[in-house]
C-alpha cells in the first residue's frame, strides 16, 4: 500500500507542476456546462417572421397582432406579396412568413372556414418543425378566440368561422433532419481534424526533439509554418470531397449550389482552424495538453455556439454576441446556403469576408507567437 500511495502522490505532484493543465482540467468543465446550459434550448422563440397581409381588415390585423404578441414569432418586416418572401429567406433576414389572404375577415364573420399560409425556411429543420406547431396552435386557439369575441354576425347566426394554417416549407419540404445535420458534419469534421492535427503535429516535433534540429537548418520561419500547415489543409480539402460525396450519393442530400464555391470558402474556413491549432501549439508543451486544450477550450464551445446543432436565436442575447467571434458560425451559414438554398457569393460574401478577416488575424497572431518561440 505504501508503494501505491507514493505513486498516487507522485501523480498529483506532477499534475501540480504542470500548471497549464490545471485550468483545462478544472475550469474547462465549468465553462462547458455553462455554455451547454445556455446554448442547448429546444424551445423556439422570436422566430424572425415576415407579414404578408393581403386582407388588410381589422380581423387580419387582430389576428396578426395576437400572432406576434405570443413571443414565438417576431415581426421583422412586411411585404405586399408571397413572391417577395424568398429573398428574406435567402439572406437570412427571416425564417418564416405569415400570409393572410384576401377575404379572411369576411369569411370569419360569415361563419366560413378560411386558411392562412405559413411559409417556413426548412434549411433549419428543428426550429421549422417547432414553428409550424406553434403557428397551428396559435391560429386554432388564442387567435381565433380573439376573433370570436369580436364577431357576432347575424349572417352567420352568431357563429364565426375557423382559421387554419396551411404550411409551405422552403428548401427542405419534408423537414428531414438528415438534410440539416449531415452538412453540419462537414464543418464538425474539418474543425476537429485540422485543429487537432495542426496543434498536435507541431507539439510532437517539440516532444521528440526534432524541432530543434529544424530550427538550426537554413529555413525561414514562414517556410516552416507553411510547410507544417499546408499538408493539414490538403487533408481538409480531401475530406470535403469525401464527405460531400457521401452526403450527396449516400444520403441524397441536395447540393444545389456551386461545389467550387464550397471548396474556395472551405479553404477560407481552414485559415481559422489551422491558425487556432498553430496558436494552441505555441501555448502548450505536450501532445496531451494540445489535445485537451483544443478539445475543451476551442472545439466544444465552438460547437455549441456555432448554430450547427442548436439555433443561435434561442440563446440569451449576451451569448449571441459571443457567437460572432466563432468562425464556425459563418461556415455553418455557408454550407447550408450552398447545399440547401443554392445561393452564391452574392449572398454569402458577408460571411466569407468576415471569416477571411478572422482567419488572417488568427493566423498572423499564431505565426508571430510561433516565430518568437523559434527565436
Protein backbone atom coordinates (compact mmCIF):
# COMPACT_ATOMS: atom_id res chain seq x y z
CA UNK A 1 0.00 0.00 0.00
CA UNK A 2 2.91 2.33 0.69
CA UNK A 3 4.17 1.94 -2.85
CA UNK A 4 0.70 2.62 -4.23
CA UNK A 5 0.36 5.71 -2.08
CA UNK A 6 3.71 7.08 -3.28
CA UNK A 7 2.66 6.57 -6.90
CA UNK A 8 -0.60 8.43 -6.24
CA UNK A 9 1.22 11.30 -4.54
CA UNK A 10 3.74 11.44 -7.37
CA UNK A 11 0.97 11.84 -9.96
CA UNK A 12 -0.66 14.67 -8.04
CA UNK A 13 2.69 16.42 -7.64
CA UNK A 14 3.35 16.06 -11.35
CA UNK A 15 -0.08 17.45 -12.12
CA UNK A 16 0.59 20.41 -9.84
CA UNK A 17 3.87 21.13 -11.58
CA UNK A 18 2.13 21.15 -14.96
CA UNK A 19 0.37 24.42 -14.25
CA UNK A 20 -1.02 24.78 -17.76
CA UNK A 21 -3.13 21.66 -17.34
CA UNK A 22 -4.83 22.83 -14.15
CA UNK A 23 -7.13 25.42 -15.81
CA UNK A 24 -8.00 22.96 -18.56
CA UNK A 25 -8.73 20.21 -16.03
CA UNK A 26 -10.90 22.17 -13.62
CA UNK A 27 -12.11 25.34 -15.33
CA UNK A 28 -12.95 23.87 -18.75
CA UNK A 29 -15.77 21.62 -17.40
CA UNK A 30 -17.35 24.64 -15.69
CA UNK A 31 -17.21 26.64 -18.91
CA UNK A 32 -18.64 23.67 -20.79
CA UNK A 33 -21.65 23.24 -18.54
CA UNK A 34 -22.39 26.98 -18.53
CA UNK A 35 -22.26 27.17 -22.33
CA UNK A 36 -24.25 23.96 -22.67
CA UNK A 37 -26.92 25.24 -20.31
CA UNK A 38 -27.39 28.44 -22.31
CA UNK A 39 -26.89 27.05 -25.81
CA UNK A 40 -28.97 23.88 -25.61
CA UNK A 41 -32.56 25.02 -25.75
CA UNK A 42 -35.16 23.16 -27.78
CA UNK A 43 -37.76 25.87 -27.20
CA UNK A 44 -38.04 28.15 -30.20
CA UNK A 45 -38.90 31.80 -29.58
CA UNK A 46 -38.70 35.04 -31.54
CA UNK A 47 -38.67 33.36 -34.94
CA UNK A 48 -38.00 36.23 -37.39
CA UNK A 49 -41.19 36.44 -39.46
CA UNK A 50 -42.39 38.49 -42.40
CA UNK A 51 -46.05 39.52 -42.62
CA UNK A 52 -47.98 39.41 -45.90
CA UNK A 53 -51.42 40.87 -45.13
CA UNK A 54 -53.46 40.77 -48.32
CA UNK A 55 -56.78 41.20 -46.47
CA UNK A 56 -55.97 44.48 -44.69
CA UNK A 57 -59.03 44.35 -42.44
CA UNK A 58 -59.47 44.75 -38.71
CA UNK A 59 -59.81 40.98 -38.38
CA UNK A 60 -56.49 40.33 -40.16
CA UNK A 61 -54.75 42.99 -38.08
CA UNK A 62 -56.12 41.48 -34.86
CA UNK A 63 -55.01 38.02 -35.91
CA UNK A 64 -51.52 39.23 -36.84
CA UNK A 65 -51.24 41.21 -33.62
CA UNK A 66 -52.08 38.21 -31.45
CA UNK A 67 -49.79 36.04 -33.56
CA UNK A 68 -46.75 38.24 -32.95
CA UNK A 69 -47.62 39.04 -29.34
CA UNK A 70 -47.28 35.36 -28.48
CA UNK A 71 -43.50 35.64 -28.15
CA UNK A 72 -42.87 32.76 -30.53
CA UNK A 73 -42.70 34.91 -33.65
CA UNK A 74 -41.02 38.27 -34.14
CA UNK A 75 -42.18 40.67 -36.83
CA UNK A 76 -39.14 41.75 -38.86
CA UNK A 77 -40.88 43.23 -41.90
CA UNK A 78 -43.89 43.28 -44.19
CA UNK A 79 -44.18 42.74 -47.93
CA UNK A 80 -47.04 43.02 -50.39
CA UNK A 81 -47.00 39.50 -51.87
CA UNK A 82 -45.84 35.97 -51.08
CA UNK A 83 -43.45 36.12 -54.04
CA UNK A 84 -41.40 38.74 -52.17
CA UNK A 85 -40.72 36.46 -49.20
CA UNK A 86 -37.99 34.19 -50.57
CA UNK A 87 -35.27 36.88 -50.69
CA UNK A 88 -35.78 37.31 -46.94
CA UNK A 89 -35.15 33.56 -46.52
CA UNK A 90 -32.12 33.51 -48.80
CA UNK A 91 -30.16 36.20 -46.96
CA UNK A 92 -31.29 35.02 -43.53
CA UNK A 93 -33.32 38.05 -42.51
CA UNK A 94 -36.40 35.88 -41.85
CA UNK A 95 -37.15 32.24 -41.12
CA UNK A 96 -40.93 32.32 -41.58
CA UNK A 97 -43.68 34.32 -43.27
CA UNK A 98 -47.35 34.63 -42.35
CA UNK A 99 -49.55 35.10 -45.41
CA UNK A 100 -53.13 36.30 -44.81
CA UNK A 101 -55.22 36.00 -47.97
CA UNK A 102 -57.93 38.41 -49.01
CA UNK A 103 -61.38 37.72 -47.61
CA UNK A 104 -60.22 36.43 -44.21
CA UNK A 105 -62.31 38.88 -42.19
CA UNK A 106 -65.39 38.43 -44.38
CA UNK A 107 -65.21 34.63 -44.22
CA UNK A 108 -64.78 34.57 -40.45
CA UNK A 109 -67.75 36.86 -39.89
CA UNK A 110 -69.94 34.76 -42.23
CA UNK A 111 -69.02 31.56 -40.43
CA UNK A 112 -66.89 30.15 -43.22
CA UNK A 113 -63.62 28.33 -42.75
CA UNK A 114 -60.57 30.14 -44.01
CA UNK A 115 -56.89 29.30 -44.30
CA UNK A 116 -53.69 31.11 -43.55
CA UNK A 117 -50.41 30.23 -45.19
CA UNK A 118 -47.22 29.91 -43.18
CA UNK A 119 -44.03 29.84 -45.23
CA UNK A 120 -41.04 28.37 -43.40
CA UNK A 121 -37.32 28.15 -44.14
CA UNK A 122 -36.76 24.39 -43.87
CA UNK A 123 -32.97 24.53 -44.15
CA UNK A 124 -33.01 24.57 -40.34
CA UNK A 125 -35.35 21.65 -39.77
CA UNK A 126 -35.78 21.64 -35.99
CA UNK A 127 -36.89 25.27 -35.50
CA UNK A 128 -39.05 24.99 -38.60
CA UNK A 129 -40.92 21.99 -37.21
CA UNK A 130 -41.46 23.66 -33.85
CA UNK A 131 -42.56 26.91 -35.51
CA UNK A 132 -45.21 25.07 -37.52
CA UNK A 133 -46.60 23.57 -34.34
CA UNK A 134 -46.69 26.93 -32.60
CA UNK A 135 -48.43 28.57 -35.54
CA UNK A 136 -51.15 25.94 -35.75
CA UNK A 137 -51.84 26.20 -32.03
CA UNK A 138 -51.91 29.99 -32.08
CA UNK A 139 -54.25 30.31 -35.02
CA UNK A 140 -56.56 27.49 -33.96
CA UNK A 141 -56.65 28.60 -30.34
CA UNK A 142 -55.92 32.01 -28.95
CA UNK A 143 -56.02 33.99 -32.18
CA UNK A 144 -59.38 32.57 -33.21
CA UNK A 145 -60.74 33.19 -29.74
CA UNK A 146 -59.95 36.86 -30.16
CA UNK A 147 -61.91 36.94 -33.38
CA UNK A 148 -64.83 35.12 -31.79
CA UNK A 149 -65.04 37.70 -29.05
CA UNK A 150 -65.43 40.42 -31.67
CA UNK A 151 -67.64 38.67 -34.17
CA UNK A 152 -71.35 38.13 -33.61
CA UNK A 153 -72.56 38.37 -37.15
CA UNK A 154 -76.26 37.93 -37.89
CA UNK A 155 -75.21 36.49 -41.25
CA UNK A 156 -73.67 33.52 -39.51
CA UNK A 157 -76.25 33.21 -36.72
CA UNK A 158 -73.69 34.27 -34.14
CA UNK A 159 -71.09 31.83 -35.47
CA UNK A 160 -67.58 32.82 -36.50
CA UNK A 161 -65.62 30.71 -38.94
CA UNK A 162 -62.47 28.75 -38.21
CA UNK A 163 -58.99 29.74 -39.41
CA UNK A 164 -56.47 27.03 -40.29
CA UNK A 165 -52.77 27.19 -41.07
CA UNK A 166 -51.62 25.85 -44.42
CA UNK A 167 -47.83 25.37 -44.22
CA UNK A 168 -45.34 25.52 -47.06
CA UNK A 169 -41.71 24.66 -46.34
CA UNK A 170 -38.87 26.05 -48.47
CA UNK A 171 -35.62 24.18 -49.28
CA UNK A 172 -36.48 21.09 -47.19
CA UNK A 173 -40.14 20.28 -47.96
CA UNK A 174 -40.27 17.10 -45.87
CA UNK A 175 -38.33 18.66 -42.97
CA UNK A 176 -35.81 15.83 -42.99
CA UNK A 177 -33.43 16.27 -40.09
CA UNK A 178 -30.77 14.47 -42.12
CA UNK A 179 -30.66 17.39 -44.57
CA UNK A 180 -29.94 19.67 -41.64
CA UNK A 181 -27.36 17.60 -39.75
CA UNK A 182 -25.32 15.92 -42.49
CA UNK A 183 -23.88 19.18 -43.91
CA UNK A 184 -23.07 20.17 -40.32
CA UNK A 185 -20.91 17.05 -40.05
CA UNK A 186 -18.66 18.50 -42.74
CA UNK A 187 -17.93 21.57 -40.62
CA UNK A 188 -17.50 19.47 -37.48
CA UNK A 189 -15.02 17.04 -39.05
CA UNK A 190 -12.99 19.83 -40.65
CA UNK A 191 -12.85 21.74 -37.38
CA UNK A 192 -11.83 18.76 -35.25
CA UNK A 193 -9.34 17.20 -37.65
CA UNK A 194 -7.47 20.28 -38.80
CA UNK A 195 -7.29 21.87 -35.36
CA UNK A 196 -6.07 18.73 -33.62
CA UNK A 197 -3.68 17.71 -36.38
CA UNK A 198 -2.03 21.10 -36.59
CA UNK A 199 -1.76 21.57 -32.82
CA UNK A 200 -0.54 18.07 -32.00
CA UNK A 201 1.67 17.77 -35.09
CA UNK A 202 3.76 20.79 -34.13
CA UNK A 203 3.88 19.90 -30.43
CA UNK A 204 5.01 16.37 -31.33
CA UNK A 205 8.08 17.89 -33.01
CA UNK A 206 8.94 19.58 -29.72
CA UNK A 207 8.45 16.42 -27.68
CA UNK A 208 10.67 14.18 -29.79
CA UNK A 209 13.33 16.88 -30.20
CA UNK A 210 13.18 17.32 -33.97
CA UNK A 211 12.02 20.93 -33.72
CA UNK A 212 15.47 21.99 -32.52
CA UNK A 213 17.04 20.22 -35.48
CA UNK A 214 14.68 22.01 -37.87
CA UNK A 215 15.47 25.38 -36.30
CA UNK A 216 19.22 25.07 -36.97
CA UNK A 217 18.61 24.35 -40.66
CA UNK A 218 18.63 27.27 -43.16
CA UNK A 219 14.85 27.60 -43.25
CA UNK A 220 12.78 30.72 -42.70
CA UNK A 221 10.01 30.81 -40.14
CA UNK A 222 7.26 31.40 -42.71
CA UNK A 223 8.51 28.43 -44.74
CA UNK A 224 8.36 26.24 -41.67
CA UNK A 225 4.82 27.43 -40.82
CA UNK A 226 3.53 26.90 -44.35
CA UNK A 227 5.28 23.56 -44.61
CA UNK A 228 3.71 22.38 -41.36
CA UNK A 229 0.18 23.64 -42.06
CA UNK A 230 -0.21 23.01 -45.80
CA UNK A 231 -0.40 19.19 -45.50
CA UNK A 232 -3.21 19.51 -42.95
CA UNK A 233 -5.01 21.94 -45.26
CA UNK A 234 -4.73 19.41 -48.09
CA UNK A 235 -6.14 16.70 -45.82
CA UNK A 236 -9.06 19.01 -45.03
CA UNK A 237 -9.79 19.61 -48.72
CA UNK A 238 -9.72 15.87 -49.41
CA UNK A 239 -12.23 15.41 -46.60
CA UNK A 240 -14.54 17.90 -48.33
CA UNK A 241 -14.60 15.67 -51.42
CA UNK A 242 -15.19 12.52 -49.36
CA UNK A 243 -17.90 13.92 -47.09
CA UNK A 244 -19.72 15.71 -49.90
CA UNK A 245 -19.71 12.52 -51.96
CA UNK A 246 -21.17 10.50 -49.11
CA UNK A 247 -23.75 13.20 -48.35
CA UNK A 248 -24.93 13.58 -51.95
CA UNK A 249 -24.66 9.99 -53.19
CA UNK A 250 -25.25 8.09 -49.97
CA UNK A 251 -27.75 10.24 -48.06
CA UNK A 252 -29.28 12.03 -51.07
CA UNK A 253 -28.62 15.47 -49.62
CA UNK A 254 -29.11 18.00 -52.43
CA UNK A 255 -26.12 20.11 -53.45
CA UNK A 256 -27.97 22.98 -55.10
CA UNK A 257 -25.09 25.44 -55.17
CA UNK A 258 -21.57 25.50 -56.59
CA UNK A 259 -19.18 22.85 -55.35
CA UNK A 260 -16.27 25.04 -56.48
CA UNK A 261 -17.55 27.86 -54.27
CA UNK A 262 -17.80 25.39 -51.39
CA UNK A 263 -14.13 24.45 -51.89
CA UNK A 264 -12.99 28.07 -52.02
CA UNK A 265 -14.88 29.09 -48.88
CA UNK A 266 -13.75 25.92 -47.11
CA UNK A 267 -10.17 26.99 -47.76
CA UNK A 268 -11.01 30.31 -46.09
CA UNK A 269 -12.50 28.43 -43.14
CA UNK A 270 -9.32 26.34 -42.83
CA UNK A 271 -7.33 29.54 -42.28
CA UNK A 272 -9.22 29.84 -38.99
CA UNK A 273 -8.94 26.24 -37.81
CA UNK A 274 -5.28 25.85 -38.77
CA UNK A 275 -4.46 29.22 -37.23
CA UNK A 276 -6.15 28.20 -33.97
CA UNK A 277 -4.26 24.90 -33.99
CA UNK A 278 -0.97 26.73 -34.51
CA UNK A 279 -1.87 29.18 -31.73
CA UNK A 280 -2.52 26.31 -29.31
CA UNK A 281 0.84 24.76 -30.20
CA UNK A 282 2.60 27.95 -29.06
CA UNK A 283 0.94 27.77 -25.64
CA UNK A 284 1.22 24.10 -24.65
CA UNK A 285 4.23 21.80 -24.36
CA UNK A 286 2.91 18.25 -24.71
CA UNK A 287 0.53 16.45 -27.05
CA UNK A 288 -1.77 15.69 -24.13
CA UNK A 289 -2.01 19.38 -23.34
CA UNK A 290 -2.59 20.17 -27.01
CA UNK A 291 -5.41 17.64 -27.29
CA UNK A 292 -7.17 18.72 -24.11
CA UNK A 293 -6.75 22.44 -24.74
CA UNK A 294 -8.03 22.13 -28.30
CA UNK A 295 -10.96 19.87 -27.43
CA UNK A 296 -12.22 21.52 -24.26
CA UNK A 297 -11.39 25.19 -24.78
CA UNK A 298 -11.98 25.50 -28.53
CA UNK A 299 -13.84 22.67 -30.24
CA UNK A 300 -16.64 22.04 -27.74
CA UNK A 301 -17.53 25.72 -27.09
CA UNK A 302 -17.39 26.48 -30.82
CA UNK A 303 -19.68 23.52 -31.50
CA UNK A 304 -22.26 24.77 -29.00
CA UNK A 305 -22.16 28.36 -30.22
CA UNK A 306 -21.87 27.83 -33.98
CA UNK A 307 -25.52 27.15 -34.78
CA UNK A 308 -24.59 23.78 -36.29
CA UNK A 309 -26.81 21.93 -33.84
CA UNK A 310 -28.51 24.44 -31.54
CA UNK A 311 -30.20 27.54 -33.00
CA UNK A 312 -28.41 30.75 -32.07
CA UNK A 313 -31.75 32.60 -31.89
CA UNK A 314 -32.67 30.55 -28.79
CA UNK A 315 -29.62 31.68 -26.80
CA UNK A 316 -29.56 34.66 -24.42
CA UNK A 317 -28.55 37.93 -26.04
CA UNK A 318 -25.16 38.01 -24.30
CA UNK A 319 -24.32 34.54 -25.61
CA UNK A 320 -25.49 35.52 -29.10
CA UNK A 321 -22.96 38.34 -29.09
CA UNK A 322 -20.19 35.86 -28.26
CA UNK A 323 -21.13 33.70 -31.25
CA UNK A 324 -19.98 36.46 -33.61
CA UNK A 325 -16.41 35.57 -32.59
CA UNK A 326 -16.88 31.93 -33.60
CA UNK A 327 -15.67 31.20 -37.17
CA UNK A 328 -17.85 28.10 -37.46
CA UNK A 329 -20.96 30.28 -37.15
CA UNK A 330 -20.22 31.79 -40.56
CA UNK A 331 -19.21 28.49 -42.14
CA UNK A 332 -22.48 26.93 -40.96
CA UNK A 333 -24.42 29.57 -42.89
CA UNK A 334 -22.22 28.95 -45.93
CA UNK A 335 -22.56 25.17 -46.11
CA UNK A 336 -26.34 25.19 -45.61
CA UNK A 337 -26.71 28.05 -48.04
CA UNK A 338 -24.76 26.20 -50.73
CA UNK A 339 -26.21 22.75 -50.06
CA UNK A 340 -29.89 23.51 -49.46
CA UNK A 341 -30.56 27.01 -50.81
CA UNK A 342 -28.18 27.04 -53.78
CA UNK A 343 -27.05 30.59 -53.07
CA UNK A 344 -23.83 32.09 -54.40
CA UNK A 345 -21.17 34.52 -53.31
CA UNK A 346 -23.53 37.46 -53.90
CA UNK A 347 -25.43 36.33 -50.79
CA UNK A 348 -22.63 34.68 -48.81
CA UNK A 349 -19.99 37.40 -49.17
CA UNK A 350 -20.58 38.89 -45.67
CA UNK A 351 -19.87 35.52 -44.06
CA UNK A 352 -16.94 34.84 -46.39
CA UNK A 353 -15.35 38.25 -45.77
CA UNK A 354 -15.78 38.02 -42.00
CA UNK A 355 -14.31 34.53 -41.97
CA UNK A 356 -11.38 35.65 -44.14
CA UNK A 357 -10.52 38.60 -41.88
CA UNK A 358 -10.80 36.45 -38.76
CA UNK A 359 -8.66 33.73 -40.31
CA UNK A 360 -5.91 36.12 -41.38
CA UNK A 361 -5.91 37.74 -37.94
CA UNK A 362 -5.73 34.42 -36.08
CA UNK A 363 -3.05 33.07 -38.41
CA UNK A 364 -0.97 36.26 -38.11
CA UNK A 365 -1.13 36.17 -34.31
CA UNK A 366 -0.26 32.47 -34.19
CA UNK A 367 2.59 32.90 -36.67
CA UNK A 368 4.04 35.80 -34.66
CA UNK A 369 3.99 33.77 -31.45
CA UNK A 370 5.44 30.77 -33.25
CA UNK A 371 8.23 32.90 -34.70
CA UNK A 372 9.12 34.23 -31.25
CA UNK A 373 9.31 30.69 -29.91
CA UNK A 374 11.71 29.79 -32.73
CA UNK A 375 13.85 32.84 -31.97
